[in-house]
Amino acid sequence: MRPLLRVYLLLLLALLPSLSCRREGNNDTAAGKTLRADIQGLRAEAGFSGRIVFQSDMDGDNEIYILTNDHLQKLTDNAWQDTYPRWSPDGKKIVFSADRDGNYDLFVMDEKGQNVIQVMASPEDEMDPAWAPDGQSLIFTERIKKPLGTQLSLWMINLTSKQKSRVIPEFSSSQILSDPSPGAPLLAFTGKRTLGWDVFVYDLSSHQYKGLTEGGKSCRPRFSRDGQKIVYVSHKVDGKGDIWTMGSDGTNQLRITERDETYDYFPSWSPDGKQVVFCSNLKSAYADKGDWALYLVSLDDKNAILLFDSPGKDVFPDWR
């Protein structure tokens, strides 16, 4: 048996108790639960280092997990949906969105899943959070359901003052899934033109935005750690979804995953910028459908390697 396949089997065996004996309750009773397995071969074969936080419904509903070389740590364990985790710039906190009170609100916890704080509570849905580079504010998608459709816009909230403000009032159409550049006053986001979604960059100083892709077939941009590149998703070639990279100005657009049979989505950079973790499945582009698993792809050879596959849907990774 190949070493990496043995890794997955052992890891899944370690997960079985949590799948059959799931506890429901508040996060404090389950925070820091570690599911250990012999995965020492993972680093050598997949080149994986650091910590990847992600969302999975492997226990029946969506919870937040951290994957490292030697363990899988479950950070939340409750009866609601915990979704879309993102590391703070210093790697000590995690923001996520949860529907604890019926609609999605923003929460922050520490890296061990403890000290959970509700950032804001409103009758609207606050989703897809990202940290400002200074770690003092969050940028998120606000979803307002209206009789004739849904309004989607980007907002910022200061964690200390709780002051909330609109981020891109100049962009009149729907805007979602933001990611700030770590080294410049730029904000990448997914925006909707007449038909379909594209990747845009907004200058927070000049208050001007620029479209980086065309055709309504691109989404989910993420800046590299040095701010020089953007990884994103495009389905302009295979009609399903591939991982692409480009310069922060939209130049040098390169297809990184060339897998016409799969839906490749939800990319996040490795800390050194040499790899991308992403999610893939054969059935659907939607996070709540299909059998999603985590993969790694190297920018040098474009070789995609299976990293983690639970019995559930493993999506929205963020790598630190």
Protein backbone atom coordinates (compact mmCIF):
# COMPACT_ATOMS: atom_id res chain seq x y z
CA MET A 1 0.00 0.00 0.00
CA ARG A 2 1.35 3.46 -0.88
CA PRO A 3 2.42 5.48 2.18
CA LEU A 4 0.00 8.32 1.50
CA LEU A 5 -2.95 5.96 1.08
CA ARG A 6 -2.03 4.33 4.40
CA VAL A 7 -2.02 7.82 5.92
CA TYR A 8 -5.59 8.49 4.80
CA LEU A 9 -6.86 5.14 6.08
CA LEU A 10 -5.27 5.64 9.47
CA LEU A 11 -6.55 9.18 9.69
CA LEU A 12 -10.08 8.12 8.83
CA LEU A 13 -9.90 5.38 11.47
CA ALA A 14 -8.95 8.03 13.99
CA LEU A 15 -12.00 10.05 12.94
CA LEU A 16 -14.53 7.25 13.28
CA PRO A 17 -15.27 7.79 17.00
CA SER A 18 -16.24 11.40 16.36
CA LEU A 19 -18.48 10.34 13.47
CA SER A 20 -20.46 7.83 15.50
CA CYS A 21 -20.47 9.56 18.90
CA ARG A 22 -20.91 13.20 18.06
CA ARG A 23 -21.48 15.54 21.00
CA GLU A 24 -23.63 18.65 20.76
CA GLY A 25 -23.19 21.57 23.07
CA ASN A 26 -21.21 24.75 23.37
CA ASN A 27 -17.73 25.13 21.98
CA ASP A 28 -16.03 25.20 25.38
CA THR A 29 -16.73 21.49 26.01
CA ALA A 30 -15.06 20.39 22.77
CA ALA A 31 -12.43 23.01 22.06
CA GLY A 32 -8.98 21.69 21.32
CA LYS A 33 -10.11 18.11 20.71
CA THR A 34 -7.26 16.41 18.85
CA LEU A 35 -7.75 13.42 16.56
CA ARG A 36 -4.32 11.88 16.19
CA ALA A 37 -3.06 9.54 13.52
CA ASP A 38 0.24 8.32 12.14
CA ILE A 39 0.65 10.84 9.29
CA GLN A 40 4.39 11.38 9.43
CA GLY A 41 4.69 10.45 5.73
CA LEU A 42 2.41 13.29 4.69
CA ARG A 43 5.07 15.98 4.91
CA ALA A 44 7.58 14.05 2.82
CA GLU A 45 5.21 13.13 0.01
CA ALA A 46 2.96 16.19 -0.15
CA GLY A 47 5.47 18.80 1.01
CA PHE A 48 3.04 20.08 3.64
CA SER A 49 4.09 22.28 6.52
CA GLY A 50 2.26 24.79 8.68
CA ARG A 51 -1.41 24.76 9.69
CA ILE A 52 -4.48 24.62 7.47
CA VAL A 53 -7.78 25.65 9.01
CA PHE A 54 -10.85 24.50 7.11
CA GLN A 55 -14.55 23.68 7.32
CA SER A 56 -15.95 20.15 7.19
CA ASP A 57 -19.26 18.40 7.83
CA MET A 58 -17.56 15.08 8.58
CA ASP A 59 -19.41 14.87 11.92
CA GLY A 60 -22.84 15.69 10.47
CA ASP A 61 -22.78 19.49 10.31
CA ASN A 62 -20.14 22.08 9.51
CA GLU A 63 -17.39 22.50 12.11
CA ILE A 64 -13.94 24.11 12.05
CA TYR A 65 -10.77 21.97 12.00
CA ILE A 66 -7.01 22.49 11.82
CA LEU A 67 -4.84 20.06 9.86
CA THR A 68 -1.09 19.78 10.48
CA ASN A 69 1.50 17.11 9.72
CA ASP A 70 0.82 15.10 12.86
CA HIS A 71 -2.79 15.73 13.86
CA LEU A 72 -6.27 16.89 13.01
CA GLN A 73 -7.70 19.24 15.62
CA LYS A 74 -11.42 19.92 15.95
CA LEU A 75 -12.02 23.47 17.12
CA THR A 76 -15.82 23.66 17.24
CA ASP A 77 -18.45 21.08 18.16
CA ASN A 78 -22.05 22.26 18.35
CA ALA A 79 -25.49 22.01 16.75
CA TRP A 80 -25.16 24.89 14.28
CA GLN A 81 -23.14 25.58 11.12
CA ASP A 82 -19.61 26.97 11.62
CA THR A 83 -18.24 28.12 8.28
CA TYR A 84 -15.51 29.93 6.34
CA PRO A 85 -12.61 30.18 8.83
CA ARG A 86 -9.75 32.63 8.24
CA TRP A 87 -6.49 33.07 10.17
CA SER A 88 -5.65 36.45 11.65
CA PRO A 89 -2.44 38.04 10.30
CA ASP A 90 -0.48 36.96 13.40
CA GLY A 91 -1.86 33.39 13.28
CA LYS A 92 -3.25 33.57 16.82
CA LYS A 93 -6.97 33.97 16.08
CA ILE A 94 -9.55 32.63 13.66
CA VAL A 95 -12.64 34.44 12.40
CA PHE A 96 -15.59 32.45 11.11
CA SER A 97 -19.29 32.77 10.36
CA ALA A 98 -21.96 30.75 12.20
CA ASP A 99 -25.75 30.56 12.23
CA ARG A 100 -26.02 30.05 15.99
CA ASP A 101 -29.02 32.36 16.29
CA GLY A 102 -30.72 31.46 13.02
CA ASN A 103 -28.80 33.76 10.66
CA TYR A 104 -25.07 33.98 10.02
CA ASP A 105 -23.03 36.23 12.33
CA LEU A 106 -19.29 36.72 12.79
CA PHE A 107 -17.27 35.12 15.60
CA VAL A 108 -13.61 35.16 16.60
CA MET A 109 -11.82 32.46 18.61
CA ASP A 110 -8.23 31.70 19.47
CA GLU A 111 -6.12 29.12 17.68
CA LYS A 112 -7.20 26.40 20.13
CA GLY A 113 -10.92 26.98 19.57
CA GLN A 114 -11.37 28.74 22.91
CA ASN A 115 -12.39 32.26 23.99
CA VAL A 116 -15.11 32.55 21.38
CA ILE A 117 -16.38 36.11 20.94
CA GLN A 118 -19.37 37.16 18.86
CA VAL A 119 -18.25 40.17 16.83
CA MET A 120 -21.65 41.34 15.74
CA ALA A 121 -25.26 40.25 15.68
CA SER A 122 -27.83 41.53 13.21
CA PRO A 123 -30.90 40.20 11.39
CA GLU A 124 -28.83 39.99 8.20
CA ASP A 125 -26.25 37.37 7.22
CA GLU A 126 -22.59 38.30 7.75
CA MET A 127 -20.48 35.84 5.78
CA ASP A 128 -17.10 35.20 4.10
CA PRO A 129 -14.97 37.20 6.59
CA ALA A 130 -11.39 38.32 6.00
CA TRP A 131 -8.94 40.16 8.27
CA ALA A 132 -7.56 43.59 7.54
CA PRO A 133 -3.73 43.45 7.43
CA ASP A 134 -3.43 45.16 10.84
CA GLY A 135 -5.70 42.58 12.48
CA GLN A 136 -7.93 45.33 13.92
CA SER A 137 -10.84 45.07 11.48
CA LEU A 138 -12.79 42.49 9.51
CA ILE A 139 -14.14 42.74 5.98
CA PHE A 140 -17.14 40.58 5.22
CA THR A 141 -20.05 39.97 2.86
CA GLU A 142 -23.44 41.17 4.04
CA ARG A 143 -26.38 39.31 2.55
CA ILE A 144 -29.81 40.96 2.69
CA LYS A 145 -32.76 39.02 1.36
CA LYS A 146 -35.28 41.15 -0.48
CA PRO A 147 -38.59 40.40 -2.26
CA LEU A 148 -36.97 40.71 -5.70
CA GLY A 149 -33.68 39.04 -4.91
CA THR A 150 -30.63 39.18 -2.63
CA GLN A 151 -28.39 42.19 -2.00
CA LEU A 152 -24.70 41.34 -1.55
CA SER A 153 -22.17 43.95 -0.50
CA LEU A 154 -18.85 44.25 1.33
CA TRP A 155 -18.59 45.89 4.75
CA MET A 156 -15.88 46.49 7.34
CA ILE A 157 -16.19 46.39 11.12
CA ASN A 158 -13.62 47.62 13.64
CA LEU A 159 -13.16 45.00 16.36
CA THR A 160 -12.65 47.59 19.09
CA SER A 161 -15.20 50.29 18.31
CA LYS A 162 -17.63 47.97 16.51
CA GLN A 163 -18.08 50.73 13.95
CA LYS A 164 -19.39 49.38 10.66
CA SER A 165 -18.86 50.96 7.25
CA ARG A 166 -19.45 50.16 3.58
CA VAL A 167 -16.22 49.24 1.79
CA ILE A 168 -16.92 49.78 -1.92
CA PRO A 169 -19.91 52.10 -2.35
CA GLU A 170 -18.63 52.98 -5.83
CA PHE A 171 -19.33 49.44 -7.05
CA SER A 172 -23.09 49.31 -7.54
CA SER A 173 -23.43 45.62 -8.42
CA SER A 174 -23.09 42.58 -6.14
CA GLN A 175 -19.71 42.15 -4.43
CA ILE A 176 -18.51 39.25 -2.29
CA LEU A 177 -15.45 37.27 -1.11
CA SER A 178 -12.89 39.96 -0.34
CA ASP A 179 -9.17 39.53 0.35
CA PRO A 180 -6.92 42.46 1.36
CA SER A 181 -3.37 42.72 0.07
CA PRO A 182 -0.83 42.39 2.91
CA GLY A 183 1.49 45.01 1.43
CA ALA A 184 -0.63 47.62 -0.36
CA PRO A 185 -3.99 49.39 0.14
CA LEU A 186 -5.67 46.98 -2.29
CA LEU A 187 -8.68 44.75 -1.84
CA ALA A 188 -9.36 41.86 -4.22
CA PHE A 189 -12.98 40.78 -4.48
CA THR A 190 -15.51 38.93 -6.62
CA GLY A 191 -17.92 41.26 -8.38
CA LYS A 192 -20.91 40.71 -10.62
CA ARG A 193 -21.18 42.42 -13.95
CA THR A 194 -24.19 42.04 -16.26
CA LEU A 195 -23.63 38.29 -16.57
CA GLY A 196 -21.47 36.17 -14.28
CA TRP A 197 -18.75 36.96 -11.75
CA ASP A 198 -15.25 38.37 -12.25
CA VAL A 199 -12.22 39.25 -10.15
CA PHE A 200 -11.70 42.92 -9.27
CA VAL A 201 -9.19 44.94 -7.28
CA TYR A 202 -10.24 48.01 -5.31
CA ASP A 203 -7.76 50.72 -4.28
CA LEU A 204 -8.65 51.77 -0.74
CA SER A 205 -6.71 55.04 -1.15
CA SER A 206 -7.98 56.29 -4.50
CA HIS A 207 -11.39 54.59 -4.15
CA GLN A 208 -11.17 53.20 -7.67
CA TYR A 209 -11.70 49.64 -8.81
CA LYS A 210 -10.36 47.67 -11.75
CA GLY A 211 -11.55 44.45 -13.36
CA LEU A 212 -8.77 41.87 -13.64
CA THR A 213 -10.75 39.20 -15.51
CA GLU A 214 -13.45 39.28 -18.18
CA GLY A 215 -16.22 37.01 -19.38
CA GLY A 216 -18.06 36.44 -16.10
CA LYS A 217 -16.29 33.16 -15.29
CA SER A 218 -13.86 33.95 -12.45
CA CYS A 219 -14.11 34.30 -8.67
CA ARG A 220 -12.52 33.81 -5.21
CA PRO A 221 -9.25 35.81 -5.43
CA ARG A 222 -6.56 35.52 -2.74
CA PHE A 223 -3.39 37.61 -2.53
CA SER A 224 -0.03 35.91 -2.01
CA ARG A 225 1.87 36.76 1.17
CA ASP A 226 4.07 39.28 -0.66
CA GLY A 227 1.08 40.83 -2.43
CA GLN A 228 2.60 40.27 -5.87
CA LYS A 229 0.23 37.54 -7.11
CA ILE A 230 -3.39 36.53 -6.88
CA VAL A 231 -4.71 32.98 -6.95
CA TYR A 232 -8.29 32.59 -8.14
CA VAL A 233 -10.83 30.26 -9.76
CA SER A 234 -11.85 30.31 -13.39
CA HIS A 235 -14.07 27.99 -15.42
CA LYS A 236 -13.43 29.62 -18.78
CA VAL A 237 -11.50 26.59 -20.11
CA ASP A 238 -13.25 23.46 -18.83
CA GLY A 239 -16.61 24.91 -17.82
CA LYS A 240 -16.21 23.52 -14.31
CA GLY A 241 -13.42 25.30 -12.44
CA ASP A 242 -9.64 25.42 -12.25
CA ILE A 243 -7.09 27.16 -10.07
CA TRP A 244 -5.31 30.06 -11.79
CA THR A 245 -2.73 32.65 -10.78
CA MET A 246 -2.01 36.14 -12.07
CA GLY A 247 -0.11 39.27 -11.12
CA SER A 248 -1.83 41.69 -8.77
CA ASP A 249 -2.46 43.89 -11.82
CA GLY A 250 -4.15 41.08 -13.75
CA THR A 251 -1.20 40.20 -16.00
CA ASN A 252 0.35 36.74 -16.61
CA GLN A 253 -2.81 34.70 -16.08
CA LEU A 254 -1.76 31.04 -15.76
CA ARG A 255 -3.84 27.90 -15.37
CA ILE A 256 -2.40 25.86 -12.48
CA THR A 257 -4.75 22.88 -12.34
CA GLU A 258 -5.50 21.21 -15.66
CA ARG A 259 -8.11 18.70 -14.55
CA ASP A 260 -11.05 18.91 -16.94
CA GLU A 261 -13.02 16.23 -15.09
CA THR A 262 -13.07 18.01 -11.69
CA TYR A 263 -14.38 21.15 -10.04
CA ASP A 264 -11.32 22.83 -8.45
CA TYR A 265 -12.24 25.68 -6.09
CA PHE A 266 -11.48 27.54 -2.82
CA PRO A 267 -7.70 28.17 -3.19
CA SER A 268 -5.33 29.46 -0.51
CA TRP A 269 -1.58 30.13 -0.73
CA SER A 270 1.08 28.28 1.21
CA PRO A 271 3.11 30.56 3.50
CA ASP A 272 6.09 30.45 1.12
CA GLY A 273 3.98 31.09 -1.99
CA LYS A 274 5.20 27.94 -3.75
CA GLN A 275 2.04 25.87 -3.35
CA VAL A 276 -1.71 26.30 -3.22
CA VAL A 277 -4.18 24.27 -1.20
CA PHE A 278 -7.55 23.90 -2.90
CA CYS A 279 -10.69 21.76 -2.88
CA SER A 280 -11.89 19.41 -5.56
CA ASN A 281 -14.78 17.11 -6.39
CA LEU A 282 -16.38 15.50 -9.45
CA LYS A 283 -20.00 16.62 -9.09
CA SER A 284 -20.57 20.29 -8.33
CA ALA A 285 -19.12 23.77 -7.89
CA TYR A 286 -21.22 24.35 -4.77
CA ALA A 287 -19.65 23.84 -1.36
CA ASP A 288 -22.71 22.05 0.03
CA LYS A 289 -22.79 19.47 -2.76
CA GLY A 290 -20.36 16.80 -3.91
CA ASP A 291 -17.56 14.97 -2.12
CA TRP A 292 -15.02 17.75 -1.56
CA ALA A 293 -11.45 16.93 -0.52
CA LEU A 294 -8.30 19.01 0.09
CA TYR A 295 -5.51 18.96 -2.50
CA LEU A 296 -2.09 20.58 -2.88
CA VAL A 297 -0.67 21.86 -6.15
CA SER A 298 2.88 23.08 -6.73
CA LEU A 299 3.28 26.15 -8.92
CA ASP A 300 6.52 24.72 -10.34
CA ASP A 301 5.25 21.45 -11.80
CA LYS A 302 1.44 21.88 -11.50
CA ASN A 303 1.25 18.46 -9.87
CA ALA A 304 -1.92 18.11 -7.77
CA ILE A 305 -1.71 15.78 -4.75
CA LEU A 306 -4.53 14.60 -2.51
CA LEU A 307 -3.94 15.98 0.98
CA PHE A 308 -7.01 15.12 3.05
CA ASP A 309 -10.33 13.42 2.33
CA SER A 310 -12.83 12.79 5.11
CA PRO A 311 -16.26 11.17 4.71
CA GLY A 312 -17.70 14.71 4.56
CA LYS A 313 -17.24 17.86 2.50
CA ASP A 314 -13.87 19.47 3.31
CA VAL A 315 -13.86 23.07 2.03
CA PHE A 316 -12.65 26.66 2.55
CA PRO A 317 -9.03 26.03 3.61
CA ASP A 318 -6.82 28.86 4.88
CA TRP A 319 -3.08 28.10 5.25
CA ARG A 320 -0.69 29.59 7.83
